[in-house]
Amino acid sequence: MKEIKAFVRPKRLTDIVNKLREAGFLGLTVFEGEGTGRYSDNRKKWSSLSHPFSHSKIAKIEMVISDEKVGKAMQIIHENGETGYPGDGIIYVSEILEAVKVKTLKPDDII
């Protein structure tokens, strides 16, 4: 299993999530946030009241999926998140070693 963490433009989030859901990716989490990095959008100037160092509003999508579905999920995120401008986002893919439901965890399952 793999975990995808995708940082995307908030304005593209609805399209990305709708296309992921249409393709059968139903278990995902979305976060809104702010960040800073190498990228700076010269077309916009804002600073955060909560985080004065921040210069980019972002949305983060997290999902855990089977290995064979990673390419499709990345393609959907790219096709619906890309605007052609710097700062469109980044996708991280990580290995999931184990997943256990809180409700059904048994003492013998604990490492």
PDB file of N, CA and C in Angstrom:
ATOM      1  N   MET A   1       0.840  -1.177   0.000  1.00  0.00           N
ATOM      2  CA  MET A   1       0.000   0.000   0.000  1.00  0.00           C
ATOM      3  C   MET A   1       0.885   1.240   0.000  1.00  0.00           C
ATOM      4  N   LYS A   2       0.335   2.301  -0.563  1.00  0.00           N
ATOM      5  CA  LYS A   2       1.056   3.564  -0.640  1.00  0.00           C
ATOM      6  C   LYS A   2       0.200   4.695  -0.068  1.00  0.00           C
ATOM      7  N   GLU A   3       0.888   5.710   0.470  1.00  0.00           N
ATOM      8  CA  GLU A   3       0.214   6.922   0.896  1.00  0.00           C
ATOM      9  C   GLU A   3       0.585   8.024  -0.084  1.00  0.00           C
ATOM     10  N   ILE A   4      -0.406   8.745  -0.551  1.00  0.00           N
ATOM     11  CA  ILE A   4      -0.180   9.905  -1.393  1.00  0.00           C
ATOM     12  C   ILE A   4      -0.484  11.140  -0.572  1.00  0.00           C
ATOM     13  N   LYS A   5       0.452  12.083  -0.578  1.00  0.00           N
ATOM     14  CA  LYS A   5       0.236  13.412  -0.010  1.00  0.00           C
ATOM     15  C   LYS A   5       0.430  14.381  -1.163  1.00  0.00           C
ATOM     16  N   ALA A   6      -0.621  15.084  -1.522  1.00  0.00           N
ATOM     17  CA  ALA A   6      -0.556  16.027  -2.637  1.00  0.00           C
ATOM     18  C   ALA A   6      -0.855  17.424  -2.130  1.00  0.00           C
ATOM     19  N   PHE A   7       0.074  18.331  -2.362  1.00  0.00           N
ATOM     20  CA  PHE A   7      -0.106  19.740  -2.025  1.00  0.00           C
ATOM     21  C   PHE A   7      -0.483  20.452  -3.311  1.00  0.00           C
ATOM     22  N   VAL A   8      -1.670  21.066  -3.340  1.00  0.00           N
ATOM     23  CA  VAL A   8      -2.203  21.659  -4.570  1.00  0.00           C
ATOM     24  C   VAL A   8      -2.777  23.045  -4.288  1.00  0.00           C
ATOM     25  N   ARG A   9      -3.084  23.751  -5.353  1.00  0.00           N
ATOM     26  CA  ARG A   9      -3.723  25.059  -5.223  1.00  0.00           C
ATOM     27  C   ARG A   9      -5.150  24.866  -4.704  1.00  0.00           C
ATOM     28  N   PRO A  10      -5.574  25.665  -3.721  1.00  0.00           N
ATOM     29  CA  PRO A  10      -6.933  25.532  -3.192  1.00  0.00           C
ATOM     30  C   PRO A  10      -8.017  25.680  -4.268  1.00  0.00           C
ATOM     31  N   LYS A  11      -7.786  26.527  -5.253  1.00  0.00           N
ATOM     32  CA  LYS A  11      -8.793  26.725  -6.308  1.00  0.00           C
ATOM     33  C   LYS A  11      -8.957  25.506  -7.202  1.00  0.00           C
ATOM     34  N   ARG A  12      -8.007  24.597  -7.198  1.00  0.00           N
ATOM     35  CA  ARG A  12      -8.074  23.387  -8.023  1.00  0.00           C
ATOM     36  C   ARG A  12      -8.601  22.188  -7.231  1.00  0.00           C
ATOM     37  N   LEU A  13      -8.746  22.355  -5.915  1.00  0.00           N
ATOM     38  CA  LEU A  13      -9.085  21.240  -5.036  1.00  0.00           C
ATOM     39  C   LEU A  13     -10.397  20.562  -5.399  1.00  0.00           C
ATOM     40  N   THR A  14     -11.448  21.324  -5.635  1.00  0.00           N
ATOM     41  CA  THR A  14     -12.755  20.728  -5.928  1.00  0.00           C
ATOM     42  C   THR A  14     -12.699  19.851  -7.176  1.00  0.00           C
ATOM     43  N   ASP A  15     -12.072  20.335  -8.227  1.00  0.00           N
ATOM     44  CA  ASP A  15     -11.957  19.540  -9.454  1.00  0.00           C
ATOM     45  C   ASP A  15     -11.168  18.259  -9.216  1.00  0.00           C
ATOM     46  N   ILE A  16     -10.067  18.373  -8.488  1.00  0.00           N
ATOM     47  CA  ILE A  16      -9.238  17.195  -8.217  1.00  0.00           C
ATOM     48  C   ILE A  16     -10.028  16.159  -7.429  1.00  0.00           C
ATOM     49  N   VAL A  17     -10.660  16.589  -6.339  1.00  0.00           N
ATOM     50  CA  VAL A  17     -11.397  15.644  -5.481  1.00  0.00           C
ATOM     51  C   VAL A  17     -12.568  15.026  -6.239  1.00  0.00           C
ATOM     52  N   ASN A  18     -13.299  15.812  -7.008  1.00  0.00           N
ATOM     53  CA  ASN A  18     -14.415  15.263  -7.783  1.00  0.00           C
ATOM     54  C   ASN A  18     -13.946  14.196  -8.767  1.00  0.00           C
ATOM     55  N   LYS A  19     -12.840  14.443  -9.454  1.00  0.00           N
ATOM     56  CA  LYS A  19     -12.317  13.465 -10.419  1.00  0.00           C
ATOM     57  C   LYS A  19     -11.786  12.226  -9.714  1.00  0.00           C
ATOM     58  N   LEU A  20     -11.138  12.399  -8.560  1.00  0.00           N
ATOM     59  CA  LEU A  20     -10.687  11.237  -7.793  1.00  0.00           C
ATOM     60  C   LEU A  20     -11.875  10.379  -7.369  1.00  0.00           C
ATOM     61  N   ARG A  21     -12.927  11.018  -6.891  1.00  0.00           N
ATOM     62  CA  ARG A  21     -14.111  10.273  -6.450  1.00  0.00           C
ATOM     63  C   ARG A  21     -14.776   9.558  -7.627  1.00  0.00           C
ATOM     64  N   GLU A  22     -14.862  10.238  -8.782  1.00  0.00           N
ATOM     65  CA  GLU A  22     -15.434   9.612  -9.989  1.00  0.00           C
ATOM     66  C   GLU A  22     -14.646   8.370 -10.390  1.00  0.00           C
ATOM     67  N   ALA A  23     -13.343   8.381 -10.139  1.00  0.00           N
ATOM     68  CA  ALA A  23     -12.485   7.255 -10.489  1.00  0.00           C
ATOM     69  C   ALA A  23     -12.460   6.173  -9.407  1.00  0.00           C
ATOM     70  N   GLY A  24     -13.230   6.358  -8.335  1.00  0.00           N
ATOM     71  CA  GLY A  24     -13.327   5.338  -7.298  1.00  0.00           C
ATOM     72  C   GLY A  24     -12.431   5.541  -6.095  1.00  0.00           C
ATOM     73  N   PHE A  25     -11.740   6.662  -6.012  1.00  0.00           N
ATOM     74  CA  PHE A  25     -10.913   6.966  -4.844  1.00  0.00           C
ATOM     75  C   PHE A  25     -11.800   7.681  -3.828  1.00  0.00           C
ATOM     76  N   LEU A  26     -12.354   6.924  -2.903  1.00  0.00           N
ATOM     77  CA  LEU A  26     -13.352   7.482  -1.992  1.00  0.00           C
ATOM     78  C   LEU A  26     -12.798   7.823  -0.614  1.00  0.00           C
ATOM     79  N   GLY A  27     -11.742   7.175  -0.200  1.00  0.00           N
ATOM     80  CA  GLY A  27     -11.190   7.406   1.128  1.00  0.00           C
ATOM     81  C   GLY A  27     -10.037   8.387   1.075  1.00  0.00           C
ATOM     82  N   LEU A  28     -10.345   9.644   1.279  1.00  0.00           N
ATOM     83  CA  LEU A  28      -9.291  10.653   1.285  1.00  0.00           C
ATOM     84  C   LEU A  28      -9.592  11.728   2.295  1.00  0.00           C
ATOM     85  N   THR A  29      -8.545  12.439   2.688  1.00  0.00           N
ATOM     86  CA  THR A  29      -8.657  13.519   3.661  1.00  0.00           C
ATOM     87  C   THR A  29      -8.107  14.781   3.028  1.00  0.00           C
ATOM     88  N   VAL A  30      -8.750  15.904   3.316  1.00  0.00           N
ATOM     89  CA  VAL A  30      -8.334  17.192   2.759  1.00  0.00           C
ATOM     90  C   VAL A  30      -8.053  18.157   3.899  1.00  0.00           C
ATOM     91  N   PHE A  31      -6.952  18.878   3.778  1.00  0.00           N
ATOM     92  CA  PHE A  31      -6.571  19.904   4.734  1.00  0.00           C
ATOM     93  C   PHE A  31      -6.349  21.213   3.983  1.00  0.00           C
ATOM     94  N   GLU A  32      -6.687  22.322   4.616  1.00  0.00           N
ATOM     95  CA  GLU A  32      -6.328  23.624   4.082  1.00  0.00           C
ATOM     96  C   GLU A  32      -5.219  24.183   4.950  1.00  0.00           C
ATOM     97  N   GLY A  33      -4.264  24.859   4.328  1.00  0.00           N
ATOM     98  CA  GLY A  33      -3.161  25.385   5.109  1.00  0.00           C
ATOM     99  C   GLY A  33      -2.435  26.507   4.399  1.00  0.00           C
ATOM    100  N   GLU A  34      -1.315  26.858   4.975  1.00  0.00           N
ATOM    101  CA  GLU A  34      -0.452  27.896   4.434  1.00  0.00           C
ATOM    102  C   GLU A  34       0.968  27.374   4.502  1.00  0.00           C
ATOM    103  N   GLY A  35       1.804  27.857   3.603  1.00  0.00           N
ATOM    104  CA  GLY A  35       3.172  27.389   3.617  1.00  0.00           C
ATOM    105  C   GLY A  35       4.133  28.390   3.035  1.00  0.00           C
ATOM    106  N   THR A  36       5.373  28.027   3.100  1.00  0.00           N
ATOM    107  CA  THR A  36       6.434  28.836   2.528  1.00  0.00           C
ATOM    108  C   THR A  36       7.451  27.897   1.912  1.00  0.00           C
ATOM    109  N   GLY A  37       8.136  28.370   0.932  1.00  0.00           N
ATOM    110  CA  GLY A  37       9.127  27.551   0.261  1.00  0.00           C
ATOM    111  C   GLY A  37       9.862  28.375  -0.771  1.00  0.00           C
ATOM    112  N   ARG A  38      10.469  27.707  -1.711  1.00  0.00           N
ATOM    113  CA  ARG A  38      11.221  28.370  -2.758  1.00  0.00           C
ATOM    114  C   ARG A  38      10.313  29.166  -3.680  1.00  0.00           C
ATOM    115  N   TYR A  39       9.102  28.661  -3.907  1.00  0.00           N
ATOM    116  CA  TYR A  39       8.149  29.278  -4.825  1.00  0.00           C
ATOM    117  C   TYR A  39       7.533  30.537  -4.213  1.00  0.00           C
ATOM    118  N   SER A  40       7.349  31.543  -5.019  1.00  0.00           N
ATOM    119  CA  SER A  40       6.634  32.749  -4.614  1.00  0.00           C
ATOM    120  C   SER A  40       5.812  33.230  -5.801  1.00  0.00           C
ATOM    121  N   ASP A  41       4.533  33.457  -5.605  1.00  0.00           N
ATOM    122  CA  ASP A  41       3.632  33.894  -6.671  1.00  0.00           C
ATOM    123  C   ASP A  41       3.642  35.414  -6.736  1.00  0.00           C
ATOM    124  N   ASN A  42       4.306  35.950  -7.733  1.00  0.00           N
ATOM    125  CA  ASN A  42       4.409  37.401  -7.872  1.00  0.00           C
ATOM    126  C   ASN A  42       3.083  38.055  -8.234  1.00  0.00           C
ATOM    127  N   ARG A  43       2.116  37.258  -8.669  1.00  0.00           N
ATOM    128  CA  ARG A  43       0.812  37.812  -9.028  1.00  0.00           C
ATOM    129  C   ARG A  43      -0.034  38.106  -7.806  1.00  0.00           C
ATOM    130  N   LYS A  44       0.333  37.539  -6.658  1.00  0.00           N
ATOM    131  CA  LYS A  44      -0.464  37.708  -5.446  1.00  0.00           C
ATOM    132  C   LYS A  44       0.425  38.153  -4.304  1.00  0.00           C
ATOM    133  N   LYS A  45      -0.096  39.024  -3.507  1.00  0.00           N
ATOM    134  CA  LYS A  45       0.608  39.448  -2.299  1.00  0.00           C
ATOM    135  C   LYS A  45      -0.350  39.284  -1.134  1.00  0.00           C
ATOM    136  N   TRP A  46      -0.031  38.437  -0.212  1.00  0.00           N
ATOM    137  CA  TRP A  46      -0.810  38.319   1.008  1.00  0.00           C
ATOM    138  C   TRP A  46       0.118  37.830   2.098  1.00  0.00           C
ATOM    139  N   SER A  47      -0.234  38.152   3.257  1.00  0.00           N
ATOM    140  CA  SER A  47       0.466  37.557   4.393  1.00  0.00           C
ATOM    141  C   SER A  47      -0.601  37.038   5.338  1.00  0.00           C
ATOM    142  N   SER A  48      -0.236  36.057   6.064  1.00  0.00           N
ATOM    143  CA  SER A  48      -1.158  35.412   6.981  1.00  0.00           C
ATOM    144  C   SER A  48      -1.167  36.141   8.314  1.00  0.00           C
ATOM    145  N   LEU A  49      -2.341  36.304   8.871  1.00  0.00           N
ATOM    146  CA  LEU A  49      -2.422  36.866  10.215  1.00  0.00           C
ATOM    147  C   LEU A  49      -1.897  35.871  11.246  1.00  0.00           C
ATOM    148  N   SER A  50      -2.087  34.581  10.964  1.00  0.00           N
ATOM    149  CA  SER A  50      -1.632  33.551  11.895  1.00  0.00           C
ATOM    150  C   SER A  50      -0.150  33.236  11.727  1.00  0.00           C
ATOM    151  N   HIS A  51       0.343  33.309  10.486  1.00  0.00           N
ATOM    152  CA  HIS A  51       1.713  32.917  10.183  1.00  0.00           C
ATOM    153  C   HIS A  51       2.337  33.956   9.250  1.00  0.00           C
ATOM    154  N   PRO A  52       2.923  35.022   9.781  1.00  0.00           N
ATOM    155  CA  PRO A  52       3.433  36.119   8.947  1.00  0.00           C
ATOM    156  C   PRO A  52       4.491  35.698   7.933  1.00  0.00           C
ATOM    157  N   PHE A  53       5.167  34.571   8.154  1.00  0.00           N
ATOM    158  CA  PHE A  53       6.195  34.109   7.229  1.00  0.00           C
ATOM    159  C   PHE A  53       5.599  33.404   6.008  1.00  0.00           C
ATOM    160  N   SER A  54       4.328  33.056   6.074  1.00  0.00           N
ATOM    161  CA  SER A  54       3.693  32.271   5.024  1.00  0.00           C
ATOM    162  C   SER A  54       3.365  33.132   3.817  1.00  0.00           C
ATOM    163  N   HIS A  55       3.560  32.570   2.639  1.00  0.00           N
ATOM    164  CA  HIS A  55       3.218  33.311   1.435  1.00  0.00           C
ATOM    165  C   HIS A  55       2.376  32.515   0.442  1.00  0.00           C
ATOM    166  N   SER A  56       1.994  31.298   0.781  1.00  0.00           N
ATOM    167  CA  SER A  56       1.202  30.495  -0.138  1.00  0.00           C
ATOM    168  C   SER A  56       0.085  29.774   0.595  1.00  0.00           C
ATOM    169  N   LYS A  57      -1.119  29.938   0.111  1.00  0.00           N
ATOM    170  CA  LYS A  57      -2.227  29.133   0.605  1.00  0.00           C
ATOM    171  C   LYS A  57      -2.169  27.810  -0.151  1.00  0.00           C
ATOM    172  N   ILE A  58      -2.389  26.699   0.568  1.00  0.00           N
ATOM    173  CA  ILE A  58      -2.312  25.385  -0.055  1.00  0.00           C
ATOM    174  C   ILE A  58      -3.468  24.523   0.421  1.00  0.00           C
ATOM    175  N   ALA A  59      -3.735  23.490  -0.338  1.00  0.00           N
ATOM    176  CA  ALA A  59      -4.643  22.426   0.075  1.00  0.00           C
ATOM    177  C   ALA A  59      -3.834  21.135   0.023  1.00  0.00           C
ATOM    178  N   LYS A  60      -4.081  20.268   0.971  1.00  0.00           N
ATOM    179  CA  LYS A  60      -3.356  18.998   1.038  1.00  0.00           C
ATOM    180  C   LYS A  60      -4.361  17.859   0.983  1.00  0.00           C
ATOM    181  N   ILE A  61      -4.100  16.928   0.094  1.00  0.00           N
ATOM    182  CA  ILE A  61      -4.925  15.730  -0.044  1.00  0.00           C
ATOM    183  C   ILE A  61      -4.088  14.551   0.432  1.00  0.00           C
ATOM    184  N   GLU A  62      -4.651  13.737   1.309  1.00  0.00           N
ATOM    185  CA  GLU A  62      -3.977  12.520   1.758  1.00  0.00           C
ATOM    186  C   GLU A  62      -4.863  11.327   1.468  1.00  0.00           C
ATOM    187  N   MET A  63      -4.252  10.267   0.959  1.00  0.00           N
ATOM    188  CA  MET A  63      -4.997   9.042   0.695  1.00  0.00           C
ATOM    189  C   MET A  63      -4.058   7.849   0.743  1.00  0.00           C
ATOM    190  N   VAL A  64      -4.583   6.712   1.170  1.00  0.00           N
ATOM    191  CA  VAL A  64      -3.839   5.460   1.179  1.00  0.00           C
ATOM    192  C   VAL A  64      -4.532   4.534   0.189  1.00  0.00           C
ATOM    193  N   ILE A  65      -3.737   4.042  -0.776  1.00  0.00           N
ATOM    194  CA  ILE A  65      -4.302   3.232  -1.856  1.00  0.00           C
ATOM    195  C   ILE A  65      -3.377   2.066  -2.178  1.00  0.00           C
ATOM    196  N   SER A  66      -3.875   1.139  -2.970  1.00  0.00           N
ATOM    197  CA  SER A  66      -3.057   0.004  -3.393  1.00  0.00           C
ATOM    198  C   SER A  66      -1.985   0.474  -4.375  1.00  0.00           C
ATOM    199  N   ASP A  67      -0.893  -0.252  -4.411  1.00  0.00           N
ATOM    200  CA  ASP A  67       0.249   0.121  -5.254  1.00  0.00           C
ATOM    201  C   ASP A  67      -0.152   0.328  -6.709  1.00  0.00           C
ATOM    202  N   GLU A  68      -1.012  -0.527  -7.221  1.00  0.00           N
ATOM    203  CA  GLU A  68      -1.364  -0.460  -8.648  1.00  0.00           C
ATOM    204  C   GLU A  68      -2.234   0.743  -9.012  1.00  0.00           C
ATOM    205  N   LYS A  69      -2.791   1.438  -8.032  1.00  0.00           N
ATOM    206  CA  LYS A  69      -3.637   2.604  -8.307  1.00  0.00           C
ATOM    207  C   LYS A  69      -2.893   3.939  -8.199  1.00  0.00           C
ATOM    208  N   VAL A  70      -1.623   3.890  -7.813  1.00  0.00           N
ATOM    209  CA  VAL A  70      -0.861   5.120  -7.589  1.00  0.00           C
ATOM    210  C   VAL A  70      -0.744   5.952  -8.861  1.00  0.00           C
ATOM    211  N   GLY A  71      -0.402   5.323  -9.973  1.00  0.00           N
ATOM    212  CA  GLY A  71      -0.243   6.045 -11.235  1.00  0.00           C
ATOM    213  C   GLY A  71      -1.506   6.766 -11.650  1.00  0.00           C
ATOM    214  N   LYS A  72      -2.640   6.099 -11.512  1.00  0.00           N
ATOM    215  CA  LYS A  72      -3.921   6.711 -11.879  1.00  0.00           C
ATOM    216  C   LYS A  72      -4.229   7.908 -10.989  1.00  0.00           C
ATOM    217  N   ALA A  73      -4.020   7.774  -9.690  1.00  0.00           N
ATOM    218  CA  ALA A  73      -4.278   8.886  -8.772  1.00  0.00           C
ATOM    219  C   ALA A  73      -3.371  10.073  -9.085  1.00  0.00           C
ATOM    220  N   MET A  74      -2.101   9.813  -9.349  1.00  0.00           N
ATOM    221  CA  MET A  74      -1.170  10.893  -9.682  1.00  0.00           C
ATOM    222  C   MET A  74      -1.578  11.587 -10.983  1.00  0.00           C
ATOM    223  N   GLN A  75      -2.023  10.812 -11.949  1.00  0.00           N
ATOM    224  CA  GLN A  75      -2.461  11.377 -13.234  1.00  0.00           C
ATOM    225  C   GLN A  75      -3.663  12.298 -13.038  1.00  0.00           C
ATOM    226  N   ILE A  76      -4.627  11.879 -12.232  1.00  0.00           N
ATOM    227  CA  ILE A  76      -5.811  12.690 -11.968  1.00  0.00           C
ATOM    228  C   ILE A  76      -5.429  13.990 -11.262  1.00  0.00           C
ATOM    229  N   ILE A  77      -4.561  13.888 -10.275  1.00  0.00           N
ATOM    230  CA  ILE A  77      -4.129  15.085  -9.547  1.00  0.00           C
ATOM    231  C   ILE A  77      -3.420  16.048 -10.492  1.00  0.00           C
ATOM    232  N   HIS A  78      -2.546  15.517 -11.317  1.00  0.00           N
ATOM    233  CA  HIS A  78      -1.817  16.365 -12.269  1.00  0.00           C
ATOM    234  C   HIS A  78      -2.767  17.027 -13.272  1.00  0.00           C
ATOM    235  N   GLU A  79      -3.604  16.231 -13.916  1.00  0.00           N
ATOM    236  CA  GLU A  79      -4.477  16.759 -14.975  1.00  0.00           C
ATOM    237  C   GLU A  79      -5.450  17.812 -14.460  1.00  0.00           C
ATOM    238  N   ASN A  80      -5.877  17.682 -13.222  1.00  0.00           N
ATOM    239  CA  ASN A  80      -6.872  18.605 -12.684  1.00  0.00           C
ATOM    240  C   ASN A  80      -6.281  19.673 -11.779  1.00  0.00           C
ATOM    241  N   GLY A  81      -4.996  19.568 -11.468  1.00  0.00           N
ATOM    242  CA  GLY A  81      -4.361  20.538 -10.603  1.00  0.00           C
ATOM    243  C   GLY A  81      -3.405  21.473 -11.315  1.00  0.00           C
ATOM    244  N   GLU A  82      -2.954  21.093 -12.496  1.00  0.00           N
ATOM    245  CA  GLU A  82      -1.940  21.853 -13.222  1.00  0.00           C
ATOM    246  C   GLU A  82      -2.537  23.110 -13.842  1.00  0.00           C
ATOM    247  N   THR A  83      -1.864  24.251 -13.626  1.00  0.00           N
ATOM    248  CA  THR A  83      -2.308  25.514 -14.227  1.00  0.00           C
ATOM    249  C   THR A  83      -1.289  26.064 -15.213  1.00  0.00           C
ATOM    250  N   GLY A  84      -0.069  25.537 -15.174  1.00  0.00           N
ATOM    251  CA  GLY A  84       0.985  26.042 -16.037  1.00  0.00           C
ATOM    252  C   GLY A  84       1.859  27.085 -15.371  1.00  0.00           C
ATOM    253  N   TYR A  85       1.524  27.472 -14.155  1.00  0.00           N
ATOM    254  CA  TYR A  85       2.308  28.458 -13.421  1.00  0.00           C
ATOM    255  C   TYR A  85       3.126  27.769 -12.338  1.00  0.00           C
ATOM    256  N   PRO A  86       4.261  28.351 -11.965  1.00  0.00           N
ATOM    257  CA  PRO A  86       5.022  27.795 -10.843  1.00  0.00           C
ATOM    258  C   PRO A  86       4.146  27.737  -9.586  1.00  0.00           C
ATOM    259  N   GLY A  87       4.368  26.727  -8.789  1.00  0.00           N
ATOM    260  CA  GLY A  87       3.619  26.599  -7.542  1.00  0.00           C
ATOM    261  C   GLY A  87       2.350  25.780  -7.659  1.00  0.00           C
ATOM    262  N   ASP A  88       2.232  24.992  -8.733  1.00  0.00           N
ATOM    263  CA  ASP A  88       1.037  24.156  -8.881  1.00  0.00           C
ATOM    264  C   ASP A  88       0.955  23.079  -7.812  1.00  0.00           C
ATOM    265  N   GLY A  89       2.064  22.734  -7.208  1.00  0.00           N
ATOM    266  CA  GLY A  89       2.030  21.771  -6.113  1.00  0.00           C
ATOM    267  C   GLY A  89       3.059  20.680  -6.267  1.00  0.00           C
ATOM    268  N   ILE A  90       2.939  19.699  -5.399  1.00  0.00           N
ATOM    269  CA  ILE A  90       3.858  18.561  -5.389  1.00  0.00           C
ATOM    270  C   ILE A  90       3.112  17.348  -4.849  1.00  0.00           C
ATOM    271  N   ILE A  91       3.498  16.176  -5.329  1.00  0.00           N
ATOM    272  CA  ILE A  91       2.892  14.920  -4.889  1.00  0.00           C
ATOM    273  C   ILE A  91       3.987  14.055  -4.282  1.00  0.00           C
ATOM    274  N   TYR A  92       3.762  13.584  -3.065  1.00  0.00           N
ATOM    275  CA  TYR A  92       4.672  12.644  -2.415  1.00  0.00           C
ATOM    276  C   TYR A  92       4.001  11.278  -2.362  1.00  0.00           C
ATOM    277  N   VAL A  93       4.783  10.234  -2.592  1.00  0.00           N
ATOM    278  CA  VAL A  93       4.289   8.866  -2.474  1.00  0.00           C
ATOM    279  C   VAL A  93       5.193   8.142  -1.486  1.00  0.00           C
ATOM    280  N   SER A  94       4.578   7.551  -0.463  1.00  0.00           N
ATOM    281  CA  SER A  94       5.321   6.849   0.584  1.00  0.00           C
ATOM    282  C   SER A  94       4.770   5.443   0.762  1.00  0.00           C
ATOM    283  N   GLU A  95       5.629   4.562   1.220  1.00  0.00           N
ATOM    284  CA  GLU A  95       5.245   3.186   1.515  1.00  0.00           C
ATOM    285  C   GLU A  95       4.503   3.138   2.851  1.00  0.00           C
ATOM    286  N   ILE A  96       3.416   2.388   2.908  1.00  0.00           N
ATOM    287  CA  ILE A  96       2.690   2.140   4.150  1.00  0.00           C
ATOM    288  C   ILE A  96       3.074   0.737   4.620  1.00  0.00           C
ATOM    289  N   LEU A  97       3.633   0.657   5.803  1.00  0.00           N
ATOM    290  CA  LEU A  97       4.065  -0.634   6.318  1.00  0.00           C
ATOM    291  C   LEU A  97       2.924  -1.423   6.936  1.00  0.00           C
ATOM    292  N   GLU A  98       1.979  -0.699   7.522  1.00  0.00           N
ATOM    293  CA  GLU A  98       0.875  -1.384   8.183  1.00  0.00           C
ATOM    294  C   GLU A  98      -0.284  -0.409   8.357  1.00  0.00           C
ATOM    295  N   ALA A  99      -1.484  -0.932   8.305  1.00  0.00           N
ATOM    296  CA  ALA A  99      -2.685  -0.140   8.579  1.00  0.00           C
ATOM    297  C   ALA A  99      -3.599  -0.986   9.456  1.00  0.00           C
ATOM    298  N   VAL A 100      -4.003  -0.429  10.581  1.00  0.00           N
ATOM    299  CA  VAL A 100      -4.850  -1.137  11.531  1.00  0.00           C
ATOM    300  C   VAL A 100      -5.984  -0.209  11.927  1.00  0.00           C
ATOM    301  N   LYS A 101      -7.202  -0.693  11.871  1.00  0.00           N
ATOM    302  CA  LYS A 101      -8.347   0.111  12.298  1.00  0.00           C
ATOM    303  C   LYS A 101      -8.356   0.243  13.817  1.00  0.00           C
ATOM    304  N   VAL A 102      -8.595   1.438  14.288  1.00  0.00           N
ATOM    305  CA  VAL A 102      -8.623   1.703  15.729  1.00  0.00           C
ATOM    306  C   VAL A 102      -9.674   0.825  16.392  1.00  0.00           C
ATOM    307  N   LYS A 103     -10.814   0.706  15.774  1.00  0.00           N
ATOM    308  CA  LYS A 103     -11.930  -0.041  16.331  1.00  0.00           C
ATOM    309  C   LYS A 103     -11.604  -1.522  16.548  1.00  0.00           C
ATOM    310  N   THR A 104     -10.799  -2.100  15.659  1.00  0.00           N
ATOM    311  CA  THR A 104     -10.587  -3.548  15.710  1.00  0.00           C
ATOM    312  C   THR A 104      -9.200  -3.957  16.188  1.00  0.00           C
ATOM    313  N   LEU A 105      -8.380  -3.015  16.649  1.00  0.00           N
ATOM    314  CA  LEU A 105      -7.031  -3.336  17.116  1.00  0.00           C
ATOM    315  C   LEU A 105      -7.104  -4.237  18.349  1.00  0.00           C
ATOM    316  N   LYS A 106      -6.336  -5.309  18.305  1.00  0.00           N
ATOM    317  CA  LYS A 106      -6.251  -6.239  19.429  1.00  0.00           C
ATOM    318  C   LYS A 106      -4.869  -6.119  20.052  1.00  0.00           C
ATOM    319  N   PRO A 107      -4.743  -6.407  21.344  1.00  0.00           N
ATOM    320  CA  PRO A 107      -3.432  -6.311  22.004  1.00  0.00           C
ATOM    321  C   PRO A 107      -2.326  -7.079  21.272  1.00  0.00           C
ATOM    322  N   ASP A 108      -2.664  -8.221  20.672  1.00  0.00           N
ATOM    323  CA  ASP A 108      -1.663  -9.019  19.947  1.00  0.00           C
ATOM    324  C   ASP A 108      -1.199  -8.334  18.669  1.00  0.00           C
ATOM    325  N   ASP A 109      -1.962  -7.351  18.177  1.00  0.00           N
ATOM    326  CA  ASP A 109      -1.609  -6.645  16.937  1.00  0.00           C
ATOM    327  C   ASP A 109      -0.554  -5.573  17.171  1.00  0.00           C
ATOM    328  N   ILE A 110      -0.366  -5.166  18.413  1.00  0.00           N
ATOM    329  CA  ILE A 110       0.541  -4.068  18.718  1.00  0.00           C
ATOM    330  C   ILE A 110       1.985  -4.549  18.602  1.00  0.00           C
ATOM    331  N   ILE A 111       2.778  -3.783  17.890  1.00  0.00           N
ATOM    332  CA  ILE A 111       4.179  -4.177  17.643  1.00  0.00           C
ATOM    333  C   ILE A 111       4.998  -3.949  18.882  1.00  0.00           C
TER     334      ILE A 111
END
